[in-house]
Amino acid sequence: MLKWIKAKGSGSMDQIDRKILNALQKNARISLKTLSEQCFISSPAIAARINRLEKQGIIADYQTTVNYEKLSYHVKAFIRLQLDPTQKKEFYPYVSSIPNVLECNCVTGDYSELLEVVFESTAALDSFVNGLQTYGKTSTQIVFTTSVARRGLDFEDAED
């Protein structure tokens, strides 16, 4: 059986920092009081640690996970795009302006861009893909189910 090594994070983090990160990844709205009870330190100490983790860029931002299907976005897909590097300057602003694009990553391989998108219908997805094809060849995979939802790394078992 494979054994996965858990991420250790930054060398300047201790066990309390890792507990804070784990808790915030599960619920970014957790109270300082609850965090202080879980970590056995005061609320001001928790606030100072969170502030330090934000300033170090370890905590990049806070987001809400939305159930898109409940808002009638029933089609989730991954789109690979072969983008010529000279088109990046015009492509990135274009793709950033489309609210249905949840994420766009520059990747290795035959396709240079990987987009995660949600749409109300396959017709709407098809229309978007047709527009993308002005930038290059595409390959689209529609998601049937998600067996592991987006989650954070577990830092709790990492050693100091």
N, C-alpha and C. Protein backbone atom coordinates (compact mmCIF):
# COMPACT_ATOMS: atom_id res chain seq x y z
N MET A 1 0.84 -1.19 0.00
CA MET A 1 0.00 0.00 0.00
C MET A 1 0.88 1.25 0.00
N LEU A 2 0.52 2.21 -0.81
CA LEU A 2 1.28 3.46 -0.86
C LEU A 2 1.05 4.28 0.39
N LYS A 3 2.11 4.90 0.86
CA LYS A 3 2.00 5.82 1.99
C LYS A 3 2.37 7.20 1.49
N TRP A 4 1.46 8.16 1.65
CA TRP A 4 1.70 9.51 1.18
C TRP A 4 2.32 10.33 2.29
N ILE A 5 3.28 11.14 1.94
CA ILE A 5 3.93 12.04 2.89
C ILE A 5 3.14 13.33 2.93
N LYS A 6 2.79 13.77 4.11
CA LYS A 6 2.04 15.02 4.24
C LYS A 6 2.98 16.20 4.13
N ALA A 7 2.45 17.29 3.61
CA ALA A 7 3.26 18.49 3.40
C ALA A 7 3.74 19.06 4.72
N LYS A 8 4.96 19.55 4.72
CA LYS A 8 5.53 20.15 5.92
C LYS A 8 5.34 21.65 5.98
N GLY A 9 5.04 22.28 4.86
CA GLY A 9 4.84 23.73 4.87
C GLY A 9 6.15 24.47 5.00
N SER A 10 6.05 25.69 5.47
CA SER A 10 7.21 26.55 5.61
C SER A 10 8.04 26.15 6.82
N GLY A 11 9.33 26.30 6.73
CA GLY A 11 10.22 25.97 7.83
C GLY A 11 9.97 26.82 9.06
N SER A 12 9.31 27.99 8.90
CA SER A 12 9.07 28.88 10.03
C SER A 12 7.74 28.58 10.73
N MET A 13 7.07 27.52 10.31
CA MET A 13 5.79 27.18 10.93
C MET A 13 5.99 26.13 12.01
N ASP A 14 5.24 26.28 13.11
CA ASP A 14 5.27 25.26 14.14
C ASP A 14 3.93 24.51 14.14
N GLN A 15 3.75 23.61 15.10
CA GLN A 15 2.54 22.79 15.17
C GLN A 15 1.29 23.64 15.33
N ILE A 16 1.37 24.74 16.07
CA ILE A 16 0.20 25.61 16.25
C ILE A 16 -0.18 26.28 14.93
N ASP A 17 0.82 26.76 14.19
CA ASP A 17 0.54 27.34 12.87
C ASP A 17 -0.15 26.32 11.98
N ARG A 18 0.31 25.08 12.02
CA ARG A 18 -0.30 24.05 11.18
C ARG A 18 -1.74 23.76 11.62
N LYS A 19 -1.99 23.77 12.92
CA LYS A 19 -3.36 23.58 13.40
C LYS A 19 -4.26 24.72 12.92
N ILE A 20 -3.73 25.92 12.96
CA ILE A 20 -4.49 27.08 12.50
C ILE A 20 -4.82 26.94 11.01
N LEU A 21 -3.82 26.57 10.20
CA LEU A 21 -4.05 26.40 8.76
C LEU A 21 -5.09 25.32 8.49
N ASN A 22 -4.98 24.19 9.19
CA ASN A 22 -5.95 23.12 9.00
C ASN A 22 -7.36 23.59 9.31
N ALA A 23 -7.52 24.29 10.42
CA ALA A 23 -8.84 24.76 10.83
C ALA A 23 -9.39 25.78 9.84
N LEU A 24 -8.56 26.71 9.39
CA LEU A 24 -9.02 27.74 8.44
C LEU A 24 -9.36 27.14 7.08
N GLN A 25 -8.64 26.09 6.66
CA GLN A 25 -8.97 25.44 5.39
C GLN A 25 -10.32 24.74 5.46
N LYS A 26 -10.68 24.24 6.62
CA LYS A 26 -11.97 23.58 6.79
C LYS A 26 -13.10 24.59 6.97
N ASN A 27 -12.80 25.70 7.66
CA ASN A 27 -13.82 26.72 7.92
C ASN A 27 -13.11 28.05 8.14
N ALA A 28 -13.06 28.86 7.10
CA ALA A 28 -12.37 30.15 7.18
C ALA A 28 -13.08 31.13 8.10
N ARG A 29 -14.31 30.81 8.51
CA ARG A 29 -15.07 31.68 9.41
C ARG A 29 -14.98 31.23 10.87
N ILE A 30 -14.11 30.30 11.17
CA ILE A 30 -13.96 29.84 12.54
C ILE A 30 -13.56 31.03 13.42
N SER A 31 -14.11 31.09 14.60
CA SER A 31 -13.82 32.23 15.48
C SER A 31 -12.43 32.11 16.10
N LEU A 32 -11.88 33.27 16.46
CA LEU A 32 -10.59 33.28 17.15
C LEU A 32 -10.71 32.54 18.48
N LYS A 33 -11.85 32.69 19.13
CA LYS A 33 -12.09 32.01 20.41
C LYS A 33 -12.01 30.49 20.23
N THR A 34 -12.68 29.97 19.22
CA THR A 34 -12.65 28.53 18.97
C THR A 34 -11.24 28.07 18.63
N LEU A 35 -10.55 28.84 17.79
CA LEU A 35 -9.17 28.50 17.45
C LEU A 35 -8.28 28.51 18.69
N SER A 36 -8.47 29.50 19.54
CA SER A 36 -7.63 29.58 20.73
C SER A 36 -7.88 28.38 21.65
N GLU A 37 -9.14 27.93 21.72
CA GLU A 37 -9.46 26.74 22.53
C GLU A 37 -8.82 25.48 21.93
N GLN A 38 -8.82 25.38 20.61
CA GLN A 38 -8.23 24.21 19.95
C GLN A 38 -6.71 24.18 20.06
N CYS A 39 -6.09 25.38 20.07
CA CYS A 39 -4.63 25.48 20.07
C CYS A 39 -4.04 25.75 21.45
N PHE A 40 -4.92 26.00 22.43
CA PHE A 40 -4.48 26.26 23.81
C PHE A 40 -3.59 27.49 23.95
N ILE A 41 -3.92 28.53 23.15
CA ILE A 41 -3.27 29.83 23.31
C ILE A 41 -4.35 30.90 23.22
N SER A 42 -4.01 32.13 23.61
CA SER A 42 -5.01 33.20 23.67
C SER A 42 -5.49 33.64 22.28
N SER A 43 -6.65 34.26 22.25
CA SER A 43 -7.19 34.80 20.99
C SER A 43 -6.26 35.84 20.36
N PRO A 44 -5.68 36.77 21.15
CA PRO A 44 -4.73 37.72 20.54
C PRO A 44 -3.51 37.02 19.93
N ALA A 45 -3.07 35.94 20.55
CA ALA A 45 -1.93 35.19 20.00
C ALA A 45 -2.32 34.51 18.68
N ILE A 46 -3.54 34.00 18.62
CA ILE A 46 -4.05 33.39 17.38
C ILE A 46 -4.11 34.47 16.29
N ALA A 47 -4.67 35.63 16.62
CA ALA A 47 -4.79 36.72 15.65
C ALA A 47 -3.41 37.14 15.13
N ALA A 48 -2.44 37.21 16.02
CA ALA A 48 -1.08 37.59 15.62
C ALA A 48 -0.48 36.55 14.68
N ARG A 49 -0.72 35.27 14.97
CA ARG A 49 -0.19 34.21 14.11
C ARG A 49 -0.84 34.25 12.73
N ILE A 50 -2.17 34.45 12.70
CA ILE A 50 -2.87 34.54 11.41
C ILE A 50 -2.34 35.73 10.62
N ASN A 51 -2.15 36.85 11.27
CA ASN A 51 -1.61 38.05 10.61
C ASN A 51 -0.22 37.76 10.04
N ARG A 52 0.62 37.07 10.80
CA ARG A 52 1.97 36.73 10.33
C ARG A 52 1.89 35.79 9.12
N LEU A 53 1.00 34.78 9.18
CA LEU A 53 0.85 33.85 8.06
C LEU A 53 0.34 34.56 6.81
N GLU A 54 -0.51 35.56 6.99
CA GLU A 54 -0.98 36.36 5.85
C GLU A 54 0.15 37.19 5.28
N LYS A 55 0.92 37.85 6.14
CA LYS A 55 2.03 38.69 5.68
C LYS A 55 3.11 37.87 4.97
N GLN A 56 3.31 36.61 5.42
CA GLN A 56 4.28 35.73 4.78
C GLN A 56 3.76 35.18 3.45
N GLY A 57 2.49 35.39 3.18
CA GLY A 57 1.90 34.87 1.95
C GLY A 57 1.50 33.41 2.05
N ILE A 58 1.61 32.82 3.23
CA ILE A 58 1.19 31.42 3.41
C ILE A 58 -0.33 31.34 3.32
N ILE A 59 -1.02 32.27 3.96
CA ILE A 59 -2.47 32.42 3.77
C ILE A 59 -2.63 33.46 2.67
N ALA A 60 -3.09 33.01 1.51
CA ALA A 60 -3.19 33.91 0.35
C ALA A 60 -4.50 34.67 0.33
N ASP A 61 -5.60 34.02 0.68
CA ASP A 61 -6.90 34.67 0.70
C ASP A 61 -7.91 33.74 1.36
N TYR A 62 -9.15 34.20 1.44
CA TYR A 62 -10.24 33.43 2.02
C TYR A 62 -11.34 33.34 0.98
N GLN A 63 -11.90 32.14 0.80
CA GLN A 63 -12.92 31.96 -0.22
C GLN A 63 -14.07 31.12 0.32
N THR A 64 -15.20 31.25 -0.35
CA THR A 64 -16.37 30.45 -0.05
C THR A 64 -16.52 29.41 -1.14
N THR A 65 -16.81 28.18 -0.75
CA THR A 65 -17.09 27.13 -1.72
C THR A 65 -18.57 27.19 -2.07
N VAL A 66 -18.86 27.35 -3.34
CA VAL A 66 -20.24 27.48 -3.81
C VAL A 66 -20.67 26.19 -4.50
N ASN A 67 -21.88 25.75 -4.22
CA ASN A 67 -22.45 24.60 -4.92
C ASN A 67 -23.08 25.15 -6.20
N TYR A 68 -22.36 25.06 -7.32
CA TYR A 68 -22.81 25.66 -8.58
C TYR A 68 -24.07 24.99 -9.11
N GLU A 69 -24.24 23.71 -8.86
CA GLU A 69 -25.45 23.02 -9.34
C GLU A 69 -26.71 23.63 -8.73
N LYS A 70 -26.65 24.05 -7.48
CA LYS A 70 -27.81 24.66 -6.83
C LYS A 70 -28.15 26.01 -7.47
N LEU A 71 -27.20 26.58 -8.21
CA LEU A 71 -27.42 27.86 -8.90
C LEU A 71 -27.62 27.64 -10.40
N SER A 72 -27.96 26.40 -10.77
CA SER A 72 -28.28 26.00 -12.15
C SER A 72 -27.08 25.94 -13.09
N TYR A 73 -25.88 25.82 -12.54
CA TYR A 73 -24.70 25.56 -13.37
C TYR A 73 -24.45 24.06 -13.30
N HIS A 74 -25.10 23.33 -14.21
CA HIS A 74 -25.11 21.87 -14.14
C HIS A 74 -23.96 21.20 -14.89
N VAL A 75 -23.21 21.96 -15.67
CA VAL A 75 -22.13 21.38 -16.47
C VAL A 75 -20.79 21.93 -16.00
N LYS A 76 -19.98 21.02 -15.49
CA LYS A 76 -18.60 21.37 -15.11
C LYS A 76 -17.69 20.65 -16.09
N ALA A 77 -16.65 21.34 -16.54
CA ALA A 77 -15.75 20.74 -17.53
C ALA A 77 -14.33 21.24 -17.34
N PHE A 78 -13.42 20.45 -17.87
CA PHE A 78 -12.01 20.84 -17.98
C PHE A 78 -11.71 20.95 -19.46
N ILE A 79 -11.10 22.06 -19.83
CA ILE A 79 -10.78 22.31 -21.23
C ILE A 79 -9.28 22.51 -21.35
N ARG A 80 -8.68 21.72 -22.23
CA ARG A 80 -7.27 21.90 -22.55
C ARG A 80 -7.18 22.71 -23.83
N LEU A 81 -6.23 23.63 -23.88
CA LEU A 81 -6.07 24.52 -25.04
C LEU A 81 -4.61 24.59 -25.45
N GLN A 82 -4.37 24.41 -26.75
CA GLN A 82 -3.03 24.61 -27.30
C GLN A 82 -2.92 26.09 -27.65
N LEU A 83 -2.24 26.83 -26.82
CA LEU A 83 -2.12 28.28 -27.01
C LEU A 83 -0.72 28.62 -27.46
N ASP A 84 -0.62 29.35 -28.54
CA ASP A 84 0.68 29.84 -28.99
C ASP A 84 1.15 30.88 -27.98
N PRO A 85 2.40 30.80 -27.51
CA PRO A 85 2.89 31.74 -26.50
C PRO A 85 2.72 33.21 -26.87
N THR A 86 2.70 33.51 -28.17
CA THR A 86 2.53 34.91 -28.58
C THR A 86 1.11 35.42 -28.33
N GLN A 87 0.16 34.51 -28.07
CA GLN A 87 -1.23 34.90 -27.83
C GLN A 87 -1.55 35.12 -26.35
N LYS A 88 -0.61 34.82 -25.48
CA LYS A 88 -0.88 34.93 -24.04
C LYS A 88 -1.33 36.33 -23.64
N LYS A 89 -0.72 37.34 -24.24
CA LYS A 89 -1.03 38.73 -23.87
C LYS A 89 -2.50 39.07 -24.12
N GLU A 90 -3.10 38.53 -25.16
CA GLU A 90 -4.52 38.79 -25.43
C GLU A 90 -5.42 37.72 -24.81
N PHE A 91 -4.91 36.48 -24.67
CA PHE A 91 -5.74 35.39 -24.14
C PHE A 91 -6.05 35.56 -22.66
N TYR A 92 -5.04 35.88 -21.84
CA TYR A 92 -5.26 35.95 -20.39
C TYR A 92 -6.30 37.00 -19.99
N PRO A 93 -6.28 38.21 -20.55
CA PRO A 93 -7.36 39.15 -20.23
C PRO A 93 -8.74 38.64 -20.69
N TYR A 94 -8.77 38.00 -21.87
CA TYR A 94 -10.04 37.46 -22.37
C TYR A 94 -10.60 36.42 -21.40
N VAL A 95 -9.79 35.43 -21.07
CA VAL A 95 -10.27 34.33 -20.22
C VAL A 95 -10.57 34.83 -18.80
N SER A 96 -9.85 35.84 -18.34
CA SER A 96 -10.12 36.42 -17.02
C SER A 96 -11.46 37.13 -16.98
N SER A 97 -11.92 37.59 -18.12
CA SER A 97 -13.18 38.33 -18.18
C SER A 97 -14.41 37.42 -18.22
N ILE A 98 -14.23 36.13 -18.37
CA ILE A 98 -15.35 35.19 -18.46
C ILE A 98 -15.63 34.63 -17.06
N PRO A 99 -16.75 34.98 -16.44
CA PRO A 99 -17.02 34.55 -15.07
C PRO A 99 -17.19 33.04 -14.91
N ASN A 100 -17.50 32.33 -15.99
CA ASN A 100 -17.66 30.88 -15.92
C ASN A 100 -16.34 30.14 -15.79
N VAL A 101 -15.23 30.82 -16.03
CA VAL A 101 -13.91 30.21 -15.88
C VAL A 101 -13.53 30.27 -14.41
N LEU A 102 -13.50 29.12 -13.77
CA LEU A 102 -13.16 29.06 -12.35
C LEU A 102 -11.65 29.13 -12.14
N GLU A 103 -10.90 28.56 -13.10
CA GLU A 103 -9.44 28.53 -12.97
C GLU A 103 -8.84 28.31 -14.34
N CYS A 104 -7.69 28.91 -14.56
CA CYS A 104 -6.93 28.71 -15.80
C CYS A 104 -5.47 28.55 -15.41
N ASN A 105 -4.88 27.44 -15.80
CA ASN A 105 -3.50 27.14 -15.46
C ASN A 105 -2.66 26.93 -16.71
N CYS A 106 -1.46 27.48 -16.70
CA CYS A 106 -0.48 27.21 -17.75
C CYS A 106 0.21 25.91 -17.35
N VAL A 107 0.16 24.89 -18.22
CA VAL A 107 0.64 23.55 -17.87
C VAL A 107 1.62 23.03 -18.92
N THR A 108 2.26 21.92 -18.58
CA THR A 108 3.17 21.26 -19.52
C THR A 108 2.39 20.28 -20.39
N GLY A 109 3.01 19.85 -21.45
CA GLY A 109 2.38 18.85 -22.31
C GLY A 109 1.94 19.43 -23.64
N ASP A 110 1.15 18.65 -24.36
CA ASP A 110 0.68 19.06 -25.69
C ASP A 110 -0.21 20.28 -25.64
N TYR A 111 -0.95 20.43 -24.55
CA TYR A 111 -1.82 21.59 -24.37
C TYR A 111 -1.19 22.48 -23.32
N SER A 112 -1.15 23.78 -23.57
CA SER A 112 -0.44 24.68 -22.65
C SER A 112 -1.33 25.30 -21.58
N GLU A 113 -2.66 25.24 -21.79
CA GLU A 113 -3.58 25.83 -20.82
C GLU A 113 -4.61 24.79 -20.40
N LEU A 114 -4.94 24.79 -19.11
CA LEU A 114 -5.99 23.92 -18.58
C LEU A 114 -6.98 24.79 -17.84
N LEU A 115 -8.22 24.78 -18.31
CA LEU A 115 -9.27 25.61 -17.73
C LEU A 115 -10.29 24.74 -17.03
N GLU A 116 -10.77 25.19 -15.89
CA GLU A 116 -11.90 24.57 -15.20
C GLU A 116 -13.06 25.55 -15.33
N VAL A 117 -14.19 25.07 -15.85
CA VAL A 117 -15.32 25.95 -16.13
C VAL A 117 -16.63 25.33 -15.64
N VAL A 118 -17.64 26.18 -15.44
CA VAL A 118 -19.00 25.73 -15.17
C VAL A 118 -19.96 26.50 -16.06
N PHE A 119 -20.97 25.80 -16.56
CA PHE A 119 -21.98 26.41 -17.42
C PHE A 119 -23.35 25.84 -17.10
N GLU A 120 -24.38 26.56 -17.53
CA GLU A 120 -25.76 26.14 -17.30
C GLU A 120 -26.11 24.92 -18.14
N SER A 121 -25.51 24.82 -19.33
CA SER A 121 -25.89 23.76 -20.26
C SER A 121 -24.71 23.40 -21.15
N THR A 122 -24.85 22.27 -21.83
CA THR A 122 -23.81 21.89 -22.79
C THR A 122 -23.79 22.85 -23.97
N ALA A 123 -24.94 23.42 -24.31
CA ALA A 123 -24.98 24.41 -25.40
C ALA A 123 -24.15 25.64 -25.04
N ALA A 124 -24.26 26.10 -23.80
CA ALA A 124 -23.47 27.26 -23.36
C ALA A 124 -21.98 26.91 -23.34
N LEU A 125 -21.65 25.70 -22.89
CA LEU A 125 -20.26 25.24 -22.90
C LEU A 125 -19.75 25.20 -24.34
N ASP A 126 -20.55 24.65 -25.24
CA ASP A 126 -20.16 24.55 -26.65
C ASP A 126 -19.87 25.92 -27.24
N SER A 127 -20.70 26.89 -26.92
CA SER A 127 -20.49 28.25 -27.42
C SER A 127 -19.17 28.82 -26.90
N PHE A 128 -18.87 28.59 -25.62
CA PHE A 128 -17.61 29.07 -25.05
C PHE A 128 -16.42 28.39 -25.73
N VAL A 129 -16.50 27.07 -25.90
CA VAL A 129 -15.40 26.34 -26.53
C VAL A 129 -15.18 26.83 -27.96
N ASN A 130 -16.26 27.09 -28.68
CA ASN A 130 -16.12 27.63 -30.04
C ASN A 130 -15.34 28.94 -30.02
N GLY A 131 -15.60 29.80 -29.03
CA GLY A 131 -14.85 31.05 -28.90
C GLY A 131 -13.40 30.82 -28.55
N LEU A 132 -13.15 29.81 -27.72
CA LEU A 132 -11.76 29.48 -27.34
C LEU A 132 -10.95 29.01 -28.54
N GLN A 133 -11.61 28.35 -29.47
CA GLN A 133 -10.89 27.77 -30.59
C GLN A 133 -10.27 28.82 -31.51
N THR A 134 -10.60 30.08 -31.31
CA THR A 134 -9.91 31.14 -32.06
C THR A 134 -8.46 31.28 -31.56
N TYR A 135 -8.19 30.73 -30.36
CA TYR A 135 -6.85 30.79 -29.78
C TYR A 135 -6.04 29.53 -30.05
N GLY A 136 -6.71 28.43 -30.44
CA GLY A 136 -5.99 27.19 -30.70
C GLY A 136 -6.89 25.98 -30.52
N LYS A 137 -6.28 24.82 -30.69
CA LYS A 137 -6.98 23.53 -30.58
C LYS A 137 -7.40 23.29 -29.13
N THR A 138 -8.60 22.75 -28.96
CA THR A 138 -9.11 22.44 -27.62
C THR A 138 -9.43 20.96 -27.47
N SER A 139 -9.47 20.53 -26.24
CA SER A 139 -9.94 19.19 -25.87
C SER A 139 -10.74 19.38 -24.59
N THR A 140 -12.01 18.92 -24.59
CA THR A 140 -12.91 19.18 -23.47
C THR A 140 -13.34 17.88 -22.81
N GLN A 141 -13.28 17.85 -21.50
CA GLN A 141 -13.77 16.72 -20.72
C GLN A 141 -14.86 17.25 -19.78
N ILE A 142 -16.07 16.70 -19.91
CA ILE A 142 -17.18 17.08 -19.04
C ILE A 142 -17.13 16.18 -17.81
N VAL A 143 -17.31 16.78 -16.65
CA VAL A 143 -17.25 16.06 -15.37
C VAL A 143 -18.60 15.41 -15.10
N PHE A 144 -18.60 14.10 -14.85
CA PHE A 144 -19.82 13.40 -14.44
C PHE A 144 -20.03 13.53 -12.94
N THR A 145 -19.01 13.18 -12.18
CA THR A 145 -19.06 13.28 -10.72
C THR A 145 -17.69 13.68 -10.21
N THR A 146 -17.65 14.19 -8.99
CA THR A 146 -16.39 14.55 -8.34
C THR A 146 -16.23 13.65 -7.13
N SER A 147 -15.26 12.75 -7.17
CA SER A 147 -15.07 11.80 -6.07
C SER A 147 -14.30 12.40 -4.90
N VAL A 148 -13.44 13.37 -5.17
CA VAL A 148 -12.72 14.09 -4.12
C VAL A 148 -12.88 15.58 -4.41
N ALA A 149 -13.60 16.27 -3.56
CA ALA A 149 -13.82 17.71 -3.75
C ALA A 149 -12.55 18.48 -3.43
N ARG A 150 -12.48 19.71 -3.94
CA ARG A 150 -11.33 20.57 -3.66
C ARG A 150 -11.16 20.68 -2.15
N ARG A 151 -9.95 20.54 -1.72
CA ARG A 151 -9.65 20.58 -0.29
C ARG A 151 -8.25 21.12 -0.08
N GLY A 152 -7.92 21.41 1.13
CA GLY A 152 -6.57 21.87 1.46
C GLY A 152 -5.69 20.70 1.86
N LEU A 153 -4.41 20.99 2.01
CA LEU A 153 -3.47 19.99 2.52
C LEU A 153 -3.62 19.86 4.02
N ASP A 154 -3.35 18.68 4.54
CA ASP A 154 -3.38 18.45 5.99
C ASP A 154 -1.96 18.64 6.52
N PHE A 155 -1.77 19.68 7.32
CA PHE A 155 -0.44 19.99 7.85
C PHE A 155 -0.23 19.47 9.26
N GLU A 156 -1.26 18.95 9.89
CA GLU A 156 -1.20 18.63 11.31
C GLU A 156 -0.14 17.62 11.68
N ASP A 157 0.07 16.57 10.86
CA ASP A 157 1.03 15.53 11.22
C ASP A 157 2.45 15.84 10.81
N ALA A 158 2.68 17.00 10.21
CA ALA A 158 4.04 17.36 9.80
C ALA A 158 4.90 17.61 11.02
N GLU A 159 6.16 17.29 10.88
CA GLU A 159 7.07 17.48 12.02
C GLU A 159 7.66 18.88 12.02
N ASP A 160 8.06 19.34 13.21
CA ASP A 160 8.72 20.66 13.32
C ASP A 160 10.12 20.60 12.76
